[in-house]
Amino acid sequence: MDLTIKRKNMSCLYVKAVGRLDLDSAVEYGSKIKDSILDSEEPITEVELDFEYITFMSSFGLKVILELYKELKASGGTIKLKNVPEQVMNAFKMVGFDKFLVFE
């Protein structure tokens, strides 16, 4: 998985990944995002996850997204998912994540 993480502004982290978000890649994906949040000198209150080039999402990938959501919510932050392909959106809907996650 190819992963790009950058600051969009002082409080927003932008994450773009290419490939599959499965058992092998989801651990790295979640860890790198969490590390970027923790290593930030300025508090991160928003994380934008760009899913345009995500071709597959496993249940483990869903777990990582849920953990990120819970951690950000606990600190008053938000998570937004952008450009989610239909097949990946179906996975979010199947488990009810579309009820509380923000999609753009």
PDB file of N, CA and C in Angstrom:
ATOM      1  N   MET A   1       0.841  -1.175   0.000  1.00  0.00           N
ATOM      2  CA  MET A   1       0.000   0.000   0.000  1.00  0.00           C
ATOM      3  C   MET A   1       0.887   1.239   0.000  1.00  0.00           C
ATOM      4  N   ASP A   2       0.553   2.153  -0.868  1.00  0.00           N
ATOM      5  CA  ASP A   2       1.236   3.440  -0.937  1.00  0.00           C
ATOM      6  C   ASP A   2       0.443   4.422  -0.080  1.00  0.00           C
ATOM      7  N   LEU A   3       1.099   5.088   0.847  1.00  0.00           N
ATOM      8  CA  LEU A   3       0.419   5.950   1.814  1.00  0.00           C
ATOM      9  C   LEU A   3       1.067   7.322   1.870  1.00  0.00           C
ATOM     10  N   THR A   4       0.221   8.366   1.779  1.00  0.00           N
ATOM     11  CA  THR A   4       0.675   9.743   1.895  1.00  0.00           C
ATOM     12  C   THR A   4      -0.082  10.400   3.038  1.00  0.00           C
ATOM     13  N   ILE A   5       0.654  10.988   3.970  1.00  0.00           N
ATOM     14  CA  ILE A   5       0.047  11.703   5.089  1.00  0.00           C
ATOM     15  C   ILE A   5       0.662  13.093   5.129  1.00  0.00           C
ATOM     16  N   LYS A   6      -0.192  14.106   5.107  1.00  0.00           N
ATOM     17  CA  LYS A   6       0.316  15.475   5.173  1.00  0.00           C
ATOM     18  C   LYS A   6      -0.665  16.368   5.912  1.00  0.00           C
ATOM     19  N   ARG A   7      -0.155  17.491   6.381  1.00  0.00           N
ATOM     20  CA  ARG A   7      -0.991  18.483   7.043  1.00  0.00           C
ATOM     21  C   ARG A   7      -1.753  19.266   5.990  1.00  0.00           C
ATOM     22  N   LYS A   8      -3.054  19.369   6.159  1.00  0.00           N
ATOM     23  CA  LYS A   8      -3.854  20.180   5.253  1.00  0.00           C
ATOM     24  C   LYS A   8      -3.883  21.618   5.760  1.00  0.00           C
ATOM     25  N   ASN A   9      -3.942  21.738   7.080  1.00  0.00           N
ATOM     26  CA  ASN A   9      -3.811  23.028   7.760  1.00  0.00           C
ATOM     27  C   ASN A   9      -3.346  22.722   9.178  1.00  0.00           C
ATOM     28  N   MET A  10      -3.373  23.714  10.048  1.00  0.00           N
ATOM     29  CA  MET A  10      -2.821  23.524  11.398  1.00  0.00           C
ATOM     30  C   MET A  10      -3.473  22.379  12.176  1.00  0.00           C
ATOM     31  N   SER A  11      -4.780  22.152  11.958  1.00  0.00           N
ATOM     32  CA  SER A  11      -5.470  21.159  12.771  1.00  0.00           C
ATOM     33  C   SER A  11      -5.987  19.961  11.978  1.00  0.00           C
ATOM     34  N   CYS A  12      -5.687  19.905  10.688  1.00  0.00           N
ATOM     35  CA  CYS A  12      -6.231  18.843   9.842  1.00  0.00           C
ATOM     36  C   CYS A  12      -5.116  18.012   9.205  1.00  0.00           C
ATOM     37  N   LEU A  13      -5.294  16.715   9.284  1.00  0.00           N
ATOM     38  CA  LEU A  13      -4.374  15.762   8.684  1.00  0.00           C
ATOM     39  C   LEU A  13      -5.068  15.121   7.478  1.00  0.00           C
ATOM     40  N   TYR A  14      -4.400  15.113   6.338  1.00  0.00           N
ATOM     41  CA  TYR A  14      -4.941  14.522   5.112  1.00  0.00           C
ATOM     42  C   TYR A  14      -4.204  13.215   4.837  1.00  0.00           C
ATOM     43  N   VAL A  15      -4.973  12.151   4.598  1.00  0.00           N
ATOM     44  CA  VAL A  15      -4.387  10.826   4.376  1.00  0.00           C
ATOM     45  C   VAL A  15      -4.908  10.263   3.062  1.00  0.00           C
ATOM     46  N   LYS A  16      -3.982   9.893   2.193  1.00  0.00           N
ATOM     47  CA  LYS A  16      -4.347   9.291   0.911  1.00  0.00           C
ATOM     48  C   LYS A  16      -3.606   7.969   0.779  1.00  0.00           C
ATOM     49  N   ALA A  17      -4.353   6.937   0.471  1.00  0.00           N
ATOM     50  CA  ALA A  17      -3.756   5.612   0.321  1.00  0.00           C
ATOM     51  C   ALA A  17      -4.146   5.029  -1.029  1.00  0.00           C
ATOM     52  N   VAL A  18      -3.293   4.164  -1.528  1.00  0.00           N
ATOM     53  CA  VAL A  18      -3.543   3.480  -2.790  1.00  0.00           C
ATOM     54  C   VAL A  18      -3.408   1.989  -2.536  1.00  0.00           C
ATOM     55  N   GLY A  19      -4.432   1.236  -2.913  1.00  0.00           N
ATOM     56  CA  GLY A  19      -4.352  -0.212  -2.788  1.00  0.00           C
ATOM     57  C   GLY A  19      -5.460  -0.799  -1.943  1.00  0.00           C
ATOM     58  N   ARG A  20      -5.134  -1.863  -1.279  1.00  0.00           N
ATOM     59  CA  ARG A  20      -6.100  -2.610  -0.464  1.00  0.00           C
ATOM     60  C   ARG A  20      -5.901  -2.277   1.008  1.00  0.00           C
ATOM     61  N   LEU A  21      -7.002  -2.158   1.705  1.00  0.00           N
ATOM     62  CA  LEU A  21      -6.949  -1.950   3.151  1.00  0.00           C
ATOM     63  C   LEU A  21      -7.395  -3.269   3.784  1.00  0.00           C
ATOM     64  N   ASP A  22      -6.445  -4.184   3.890  1.00  0.00           N
ATOM     65  CA  ASP A  22      -6.727  -5.525   4.386  1.00  0.00           C
ATOM     66  C   ASP A  22      -5.890  -5.813   5.629  1.00  0.00           C
ATOM     67  N   LEU A  23      -5.869  -7.042   6.045  1.00  0.00           N
ATOM     68  CA  LEU A  23      -5.169  -7.421   7.270  1.00  0.00           C
ATOM     69  C   LEU A  23      -3.731  -6.927   7.292  1.00  0.00           C
ATOM     70  N   ASP A  24      -3.012  -7.117   6.221  1.00  0.00           N
ATOM     71  CA  ASP A  24      -1.602  -6.731   6.183  1.00  0.00           C
ATOM     72  C   ASP A  24      -1.399  -5.220   6.177  1.00  0.00           C
ATOM     73  N   SER A  25      -2.153  -4.509   5.369  1.00  0.00           N
ATOM     74  CA  SER A  25      -1.924  -3.075   5.216  1.00  0.00           C
ATOM     75  C   SER A  25      -2.642  -2.221   6.254  1.00  0.00           C
ATOM     76  N   ALA A  26      -3.741  -2.707   6.815  1.00  0.00           N
ATOM     77  CA  ALA A  26      -4.522  -1.906   7.757  1.00  0.00           C
ATOM     78  C   ALA A  26      -3.738  -1.572   9.028  1.00  0.00           C
ATOM     79  N   VAL A  27      -2.920  -2.486   9.481  1.00  0.00           N
ATOM     80  CA  VAL A  27      -2.112  -2.239  10.683  1.00  0.00           C
ATOM     81  C   VAL A  27      -1.163  -1.069  10.433  1.00  0.00           C
ATOM     82  N   GLU A  28      -0.460  -1.112   9.317  1.00  0.00           N
ATOM     83  CA  GLU A  28       0.463  -0.037   8.973  1.00  0.00           C
ATOM     84  C   GLU A  28      -0.290   1.277   8.776  1.00  0.00           C
ATOM     85  N   TYR A  29      -1.415   1.226   8.086  1.00  0.00           N
ATOM     86  CA  TYR A  29      -2.243   2.392   7.819  1.00  0.00           C
ATOM     87  C   TYR A  29      -2.643   3.084   9.131  1.00  0.00           C
ATOM     88  N   GLY A  30      -3.238   2.311  10.041  1.00  0.00           N
ATOM     89  CA  GLY A  30      -3.671   2.870  11.319  1.00  0.00           C
ATOM     90  C   GLY A  30      -2.514   3.374  12.161  1.00  0.00           C
ATOM     91  N   SER A  31      -1.430   2.627  12.204  1.00  0.00           N
ATOM     92  CA  SER A  31      -0.271   3.013  13.015  1.00  0.00           C
ATOM     93  C   SER A  31       0.356   4.313  12.530  1.00  0.00           C
ATOM     94  N   LYS A  32       0.500   4.450  11.229  1.00  0.00           N
ATOM     95  CA  LYS A  32       1.119   5.669  10.690  1.00  0.00           C
ATOM     96  C   LYS A  32       0.241   6.896  10.919  1.00  0.00           C
ATOM     97  N   ILE A  33      -1.063   6.730  10.805  1.00  0.00           N
ATOM     98  CA  ILE A  33      -1.961   7.860  11.073  1.00  0.00           C
ATOM     99  C   ILE A  33      -1.899   8.238  12.551  1.00  0.00           C
ATOM    100  N   LYS A  34      -1.977   7.263  13.433  1.00  0.00           N
ATOM    101  CA  LYS A  34      -1.914   7.533  14.872  1.00  0.00           C
ATOM    102  C   LYS A  34      -0.581   8.171  15.252  1.00  0.00           C
ATOM    103  N   ASP A  35       0.508   7.681  14.686  1.00  0.00           N
ATOM    104  CA  ASP A  35       1.823   8.269  14.959  1.00  0.00           C
ATOM    105  C   ASP A  35       1.885   9.727  14.507  1.00  0.00           C
ATOM    106  N   SER A  36       1.304  10.009  13.344  1.00  0.00           N
ATOM    107  CA  SER A  36       1.291  11.386  12.836  1.00  0.00           C
ATOM    108  C   SER A  36       0.494  12.301  13.753  1.00  0.00           C
ATOM    109  N   ILE A  37      -0.594  11.794  14.287  1.00  0.00           N
ATOM    110  CA  ILE A  37      -1.414  12.586  15.222  1.00  0.00           C
ATOM    111  C   ILE A  37      -0.637  12.838  16.507  1.00  0.00           C
ATOM    112  N   LEU A  38      -0.015  11.803  17.040  1.00  0.00           N
ATOM    113  CA  LEU A  38       0.723  11.925  18.303  1.00  0.00           C
ATOM    114  C   LEU A  38       1.974  12.777  18.166  1.00  0.00           C
ATOM    115  N   ASP A  39       2.629  12.724  17.006  1.00  0.00           N
ATOM    116  CA  ASP A  39       3.871  13.460  16.794  1.00  0.00           C
ATOM    117  C   ASP A  39       3.651  14.925  16.440  1.00  0.00           C
ATOM    118  N   SER A  40       2.409  15.299  16.213  1.00  0.00           N
ATOM    119  CA  SER A  40       2.106  16.665  15.803  1.00  0.00           C
ATOM    120  C   SER A  40       2.280  17.644  16.965  1.00  0.00           C
ATOM    121  N   GLU A  41       2.956  18.753  16.683  1.00  0.00           N
ATOM    122  CA  GLU A  41       3.122  19.780  17.709  1.00  0.00           C
ATOM    123  C   GLU A  41       1.802  20.498  17.972  1.00  0.00           C
ATOM    124  N   GLU A  42       1.021  20.719  16.917  1.00  0.00           N
ATOM    125  CA  GLU A  42      -0.304  21.320  17.047  1.00  0.00           C
ATOM    126  C   GLU A  42      -1.336  20.196  17.143  1.00  0.00           C
ATOM    127  N   PRO A  43      -2.357  20.368  17.973  1.00  0.00           N
ATOM    128  CA  PRO A  43      -3.381  19.315  18.092  1.00  0.00           C
ATOM    129  C   PRO A  43      -4.104  19.069  16.762  1.00  0.00           C
ATOM    130  N   ILE A  44      -4.297  17.821  16.419  1.00  0.00           N
ATOM    131  CA  ILE A  44      -5.052  17.430  15.235  1.00  0.00           C
ATOM    132  C   ILE A  44      -6.505  17.224  15.675  1.00  0.00           C
ATOM    133  N   THR A  45      -7.409  18.005  15.084  1.00  0.00           N
ATOM    134  CA  THR A  45      -8.826  17.882  15.431  1.00  0.00           C
ATOM    135  C   THR A  45      -9.654  17.324  14.282  1.00  0.00           C
ATOM    136  N   GLU A  46      -9.029  17.160  13.121  1.00  0.00           N
ATOM    137  CA  GLU A  46      -9.738  16.602  11.980  1.00  0.00           C
ATOM    138  C   GLU A  46      -8.784  15.755  11.147  1.00  0.00           C
ATOM    139  N   VAL A  47      -9.284  14.608  10.720  1.00  0.00           N
ATOM    140  CA  VAL A  47      -8.524  13.740   9.829  1.00  0.00           C
ATOM    141  C   VAL A  47      -9.391  13.464   8.610  1.00  0.00           C
ATOM    142  N   GLU A  48      -8.842  13.743   7.431  1.00  0.00           N
ATOM    143  CA  GLU A  48      -9.521  13.456   6.173  1.00  0.00           C
ATOM    144  C   GLU A  48      -8.872  12.233   5.549  1.00  0.00           C
ATOM    145  N   LEU A  49      -9.675  11.210   5.327  1.00  0.00           N
ATOM    146  CA  LEU A  49      -9.195   9.986   4.705  1.00  0.00           C
ATOM    147  C   LEU A  49      -9.701   9.947   3.272  1.00  0.00           C
ATOM    148  N   ASP A  50      -8.793  10.028   2.314  1.00  0.00           N
ATOM    149  CA  ASP A  50      -9.155   9.991   0.908  1.00  0.00           C
ATOM    150  C   ASP A  50      -9.113   8.539   0.446  1.00  0.00           C
ATOM    151  N   PHE A  51     -10.275   8.016   0.068  1.00  0.00           N
ATOM    152  CA  PHE A  51     -10.400   6.610  -0.318  1.00  0.00           C
ATOM    153  C   PHE A  51     -10.481   6.412  -1.831  1.00  0.00           C
ATOM    154  N   GLU A  52     -10.171   7.444  -2.604  1.00  0.00           N
ATOM    155  CA  GLU A  52     -10.334   7.372  -4.053  1.00  0.00           C
ATOM    156  C   GLU A  52      -9.636   6.163  -4.667  1.00  0.00           C
ATOM    157  N   TYR A  53      -8.472   5.814  -4.137  1.00  0.00           N
ATOM    158  CA  TYR A  53      -7.697   4.725  -4.727  1.00  0.00           C
ATOM    159  C   TYR A  53      -7.648   3.475  -3.846  1.00  0.00           C
ATOM    160  N   ILE A  54      -8.587   3.356  -2.922  1.00  0.00           N
ATOM    161  CA  ILE A  54      -8.705   2.132  -2.129  1.00  0.00           C
ATOM    162  C   ILE A  54      -9.567   1.161  -2.936  1.00  0.00           C
ATOM    163  N   THR A  55      -9.026  -0.001  -3.235  1.00  0.00           N
ATOM    164  CA  THR A  55      -9.727  -0.956  -4.085  1.00  0.00           C
ATOM    165  C   THR A  55     -10.456  -2.047  -3.310  1.00  0.00           C
ATOM    166  N   PHE A  56     -10.128  -2.199  -2.021  1.00  0.00           N
ATOM    167  CA  PHE A  56     -10.743  -3.252  -1.204  1.00  0.00           C
ATOM    168  C   PHE A  56     -10.621  -2.879   0.258  1.00  0.00           C
ATOM    169  N   MET A  57     -11.658  -3.205   1.036  1.00  0.00           N
ATOM    170  CA  MET A  57     -11.630  -2.944   2.476  1.00  0.00           C
ATOM    171  C   MET A  57     -12.086  -4.207   3.204  1.00  0.00           C
ATOM    172  N   SER A  58     -11.224  -4.763   4.024  1.00  0.00           N
ATOM    173  CA  SER A  58     -11.577  -5.952   4.800  1.00  0.00           C
ATOM    174  C   SER A  58     -12.188  -5.532   6.133  1.00  0.00           C
ATOM    175  N   SER A  59     -12.648  -6.507   6.887  1.00  0.00           N
ATOM    176  CA  SER A  59     -13.203  -6.214   8.211  1.00  0.00           C
ATOM    177  C   SER A  59     -12.122  -5.638   9.125  1.00  0.00           C
ATOM    178  N   PHE A  60     -10.874  -6.011   8.904  1.00  0.00           N
ATOM    179  CA  PHE A  60      -9.797  -5.458   9.718  1.00  0.00           C
ATOM    180  C   PHE A  60      -9.581  -3.980   9.390  1.00  0.00           C
ATOM    181  N   GLY A  61      -9.739  -3.630   8.111  1.00  0.00           N
ATOM    182  CA  GLY A  61      -9.675  -2.226   7.713  1.00  0.00           C
ATOM    183  C   GLY A  61     -10.787  -1.426   8.378  1.00  0.00           C
ATOM    184  N   LEU A  62     -11.985  -2.005   8.434  1.00  0.00           N
ATOM    185  CA  LEU A  62     -13.112  -1.349   9.114  1.00  0.00           C
ATOM    186  C   LEU A  62     -12.801  -1.129  10.591  1.00  0.00           C
ATOM    187  N   LYS A  63     -12.165  -2.116  11.204  1.00  0.00           N
ATOM    188  CA  LYS A  63     -11.792  -2.008  12.620  1.00  0.00           C
ATOM    189  C   LYS A  63     -10.836  -0.841  12.848  1.00  0.00           C
ATOM    190  N   VAL A  64      -9.868  -0.678  11.960  1.00  0.00           N
ATOM    191  CA  VAL A  64      -8.902   0.412  12.079  1.00  0.00           C
ATOM    192  C   VAL A  64      -9.605   1.766  11.959  1.00  0.00           C
ATOM    193  N   ILE A  65     -10.539   1.887  11.019  1.00  0.00           N
ATOM    194  CA  ILE A  65     -11.290   3.137  10.855  1.00  0.00           C
ATOM    195  C   ILE A  65     -12.111   3.420  12.106  1.00  0.00           C
ATOM    196  N   LEU A  66     -12.742   2.401  12.666  1.00  0.00           N
ATOM    197  CA  LEU A  66     -13.532   2.580  13.889  1.00  0.00           C
ATOM    198  C   LEU A  66     -12.648   3.036  15.049  1.00  0.00           C
ATOM    199  N   GLU A  67     -11.469   2.460  15.189  1.00  0.00           N
ATOM    200  CA  GLU A  67     -10.550   2.867  16.260  1.00  0.00           C
ATOM    201  C   GLU A  67     -10.126   4.327  16.093  1.00  0.00           C
ATOM    202  N   LEU A  68      -9.813   4.730  14.871  1.00  0.00           N
ATOM    203  CA  LEU A  68      -9.452   6.125  14.605  1.00  0.00           C
ATOM    204  C   LEU A  68     -10.608   7.053  14.955  1.00  0.00           C
ATOM    205  N   TYR A  69     -11.800   6.665  14.543  1.00  0.00           N
ATOM    206  CA  TYR A  69     -12.996   7.463  14.840  1.00  0.00           C
ATOM    207  C   TYR A  69     -13.163   7.649  16.359  1.00  0.00           C
ATOM    208  N   LYS A  70     -13.075   6.564  17.107  1.00  0.00           N
ATOM    209  CA  LYS A  70     -13.248   6.622  18.566  1.00  0.00           C
ATOM    210  C   LYS A  70     -12.185   7.498  19.227  1.00  0.00           C
ATOM    211  N   GLU A  71     -10.945   7.360  18.808  1.00  0.00           N
ATOM    212  CA  GLU A  71      -9.868   8.156  19.398  1.00  0.00           C
ATOM    213  C   GLU A  71     -10.044   9.647  19.117  1.00  0.00           C
ATOM    214  N   LEU A  72     -10.403   9.972  17.882  1.00  0.00           N
ATOM    215  CA  LEU A  72     -10.612  11.380  17.540  1.00  0.00           C
ATOM    216  C   LEU A  72     -11.829  11.947  18.257  1.00  0.00           C
ATOM    217  N   LYS A  73     -12.894  11.184  18.307  1.00  0.00           N
ATOM    218  CA  LYS A  73     -14.117  11.647  18.979  1.00  0.00           C
ATOM    219  C   LYS A  73     -13.864  11.893  20.462  1.00  0.00           C
ATOM    220  N   ALA A  74     -13.088  11.026  21.090  1.00  0.00           N
ATOM    221  CA  ALA A  74     -12.786  11.167  22.519  1.00  0.00           C
ATOM    222  C   ALA A  74     -12.043  12.459  22.824  1.00  0.00           C
ATOM    223  N   SER A  75     -11.289  12.955  21.844  1.00  0.00           N
ATOM    224  CA  SER A  75     -10.539  14.191  22.056  1.00  0.00           C
ATOM    225  C   SER A  75     -11.215  15.394  21.388  1.00  0.00           C
ATOM    226  N   GLY A  76     -12.471  15.211  20.994  1.00  0.00           N
ATOM    227  CA  GLY A  76     -13.216  16.310  20.392  1.00  0.00           C
ATOM    228  C   GLY A  76     -12.968  16.496  18.914  1.00  0.00           C
ATOM    229  N   GLY A  77     -12.344  15.532  18.277  1.00  0.00           N
ATOM    230  CA  GLY A  77     -12.015  15.640  16.859  1.00  0.00           C
ATOM    231  C   GLY A  77     -13.016  14.929  15.972  1.00  0.00           C
ATOM    232  N   THR A  78     -12.804  15.055  14.666  1.00  0.00           N
ATOM    233  CA  THR A  78     -13.678  14.421  13.687  1.00  0.00           C
ATOM    234  C   THR A  78     -12.854  13.702  12.622  1.00  0.00           C
ATOM    235  N   ILE A  79     -13.512  12.798  11.950  1.00  0.00           N
ATOM    236  CA  ILE A  79     -12.911  12.077  10.848  1.00  0.00           C
ATOM    237  C   ILE A  79     -13.870  12.199   9.662  1.00  0.00           C
ATOM    238  N   LYS A  80     -13.313  12.455   8.485  1.00  0.00           N
ATOM    239  CA  LYS A  80     -14.116  12.557   7.262  1.00  0.00           C
ATOM    240  C   LYS A  80     -13.529  11.616   6.232  1.00  0.00           C
ATOM    241  N   LEU A  81     -14.400  10.929   5.524  1.00  0.00           N
ATOM    242  CA  LEU A  81     -13.975  10.036   4.453  1.00  0.00           C
ATOM    243  C   LEU A  81     -14.404  10.641   3.127  1.00  0.00           C
ATOM    244  N   LYS A  82     -13.466  10.731   2.206  1.00  0.00           N
ATOM    245  CA  LYS A  82     -13.723  11.366   0.913  1.00  0.00           C
ATOM    246  C   LYS A  82     -13.508  10.380  -0.223  1.00  0.00           C
ATOM    247  N   ASN A  83     -14.261  10.599  -1.292  1.00  0.00           N
ATOM    248  CA  ASN A  83     -14.080   9.836  -2.534  1.00  0.00           C
ATOM    249  C   ASN A  83     -14.151   8.328  -2.331  1.00  0.00           C
ATOM    250  N   VAL A  84     -15.129   7.888  -1.548  1.00  0.00           N
ATOM    251  CA  VAL A  84     -15.241   6.459  -1.230  1.00  0.00           C
ATOM    252  C   VAL A  84     -15.895   5.716  -2.404  1.00  0.00           C
ATOM    253  N   PRO A  85     -15.184   4.741  -2.989  1.00  0.00           N
ATOM    254  CA  PRO A  85     -15.765   3.961  -4.088  1.00  0.00           C
ATOM    255  C   PRO A  85     -17.000   3.185  -3.623  1.00  0.00           C
ATOM    256  N   GLU A  86     -17.888   2.908  -4.543  1.00  0.00           N
ATOM    257  CA  GLU A  86     -19.156   2.253  -4.214  1.00  0.00           C
ATOM    258  C   GLU A  86     -18.964   0.932  -3.479  1.00  0.00           C
ATOM    259  N   GLN A  87     -18.025   0.109  -3.941  1.00  0.00           N
ATOM    260  CA  GLN A  87     -17.844  -1.199  -3.295  1.00  0.00           C
ATOM    261  C   GLN A  87     -17.348  -1.046  -1.854  1.00  0.00           C
ATOM    262  N   VAL A  88     -16.509  -0.057  -1.599  1.00  0.00           N
ATOM    263  CA  VAL A  88     -16.031   0.185  -0.235  1.00  0.00           C
ATOM    264  C   VAL A  88     -17.151   0.806   0.607  1.00  0.00           C
ATOM    265  N   MET A  89     -17.947   1.689   0.000  1.00  0.00           N
ATOM    266  CA  MET A  89     -19.077   2.291   0.708  1.00  0.00           C
ATOM    267  C   MET A  89     -20.071   1.214   1.132  1.00  0.00           C
ATOM    268  N   ASN A  90     -20.260   0.206   0.299  1.00  0.00           N
ATOM    269  CA  ASN A  90     -21.151  -0.893   0.653  1.00  0.00           C
ATOM    270  C   ASN A  90     -20.687  -1.597   1.921  1.00  0.00           C
ATOM    271  N   ALA A  91     -19.386  -1.732   2.096  1.00  0.00           N
ATOM    272  CA  ALA A  91     -18.846  -2.350   3.319  1.00  0.00           C
ATOM    273  C   ALA A  91     -19.172  -1.480   4.532  1.00  0.00           C
ATOM    274  N   PHE A  92     -19.012  -0.154   4.400  1.00  0.00           N
ATOM    275  CA  PHE A  92     -19.352   0.752   5.500  1.00  0.00           C
ATOM    276  C   PHE A  92     -20.840   0.672   5.847  1.00  0.00           C
ATOM    277  N   LYS A  93     -21.675   0.627   4.821  1.00  0.00           N
ATOM    278  CA  LYS A  93     -23.126   0.558   5.041  1.00  0.00           C
ATOM    279  C   LYS A  93     -23.536  -0.764   5.669  1.00  0.00           C
ATOM    280  N   MET A  94     -22.906  -1.847   5.240  1.00  0.00           N
ATOM    281  CA  MET A  94     -23.263  -3.174   5.740  1.00  0.00           C
ATOM    282  C   MET A  94     -23.087  -3.278   7.254  1.00  0.00           C
ATOM    283  N   VAL A  95     -22.086  -2.593   7.791  1.00  0.00           N
ATOM    284  CA  VAL A  95     -21.834  -2.663   9.233  1.00  0.00           C
ATOM    285  C   VAL A  95     -22.378  -1.449   9.984  1.00  0.00           C
ATOM    286  N   GLY A  96     -23.051  -0.543   9.264  1.00  0.00           N
ATOM    287  CA  GLY A  96     -23.701   0.597   9.916  1.00  0.00           C
ATOM    288  C   GLY A  96     -22.818   1.805  10.163  1.00  0.00           C
ATOM    289  N   PHE A  97     -21.614   1.831   9.605  1.00  0.00           N
ATOM    290  CA  PHE A  97     -20.712   2.960   9.818  1.00  0.00           C
ATOM    291  C   PHE A  97     -21.235   4.238   9.154  1.00  0.00           C
ATOM    292  N   ASP A  98     -22.103   4.080   8.164  1.00  0.00           N
ATOM    293  CA  ASP A  98     -22.663   5.254   7.494  1.00  0.00           C
ATOM    294  C   ASP A  98     -23.594   6.044   8.407  1.00  0.00           C
ATOM    295  N   LYS A  99     -23.935   5.488   9.552  1.00  0.00           N
ATOM    296  CA  LYS A  99     -24.806   6.178  10.520  1.00  0.00           C
ATOM    297  C   LYS A  99     -24.053   7.202  11.365  1.00  0.00           C
ATOM    298  N   PHE A 100     -22.727   7.052  11.486  1.00  0.00           N
ATOM    299  CA  PHE A 100     -21.986   7.984  12.346  1.00  0.00           C
ATOM    300  C   PHE A 100     -20.739   8.583  11.706  1.00  0.00           C
ATOM    301  N   LEU A 101     -20.240   8.003  10.629  1.00  0.00           N
ATOM    302  CA  LEU A 101     -19.089   8.586   9.939  1.00  0.00           C
ATOM    303  C   LEU A 101     -19.558   9.655   8.967  1.00  0.00           C
ATOM    304  N   VAL A 102     -18.702  10.626   8.699  1.00  0.00           N
ATOM    305  CA  VAL A 102     -19.005  11.698   7.755  1.00  0.00           C
ATOM    306  C   VAL A 102     -18.351  11.358   6.424  1.00  0.00           C
ATOM    307  N   PHE A 103     -19.185  11.316   5.373  1.00  0.00           N
ATOM    308  CA  PHE A 103     -18.694  11.025   4.025  1.00  0.00           C
ATOM    309  C   PHE A 103     -18.869  12.260   3.151  1.00  0.00           C
ATOM    310  N   GLU A 104     -17.867  12.578   2.364  1.00  0.00           N
ATOM    311  CA  GLU A 104     -17.947  13.706   1.437  1.00  0.00           C
ATOM    312  C   GLU A 104     -17.590  13.257   0.045  1.00  0.00           C
TER     313      GLU A 104
END
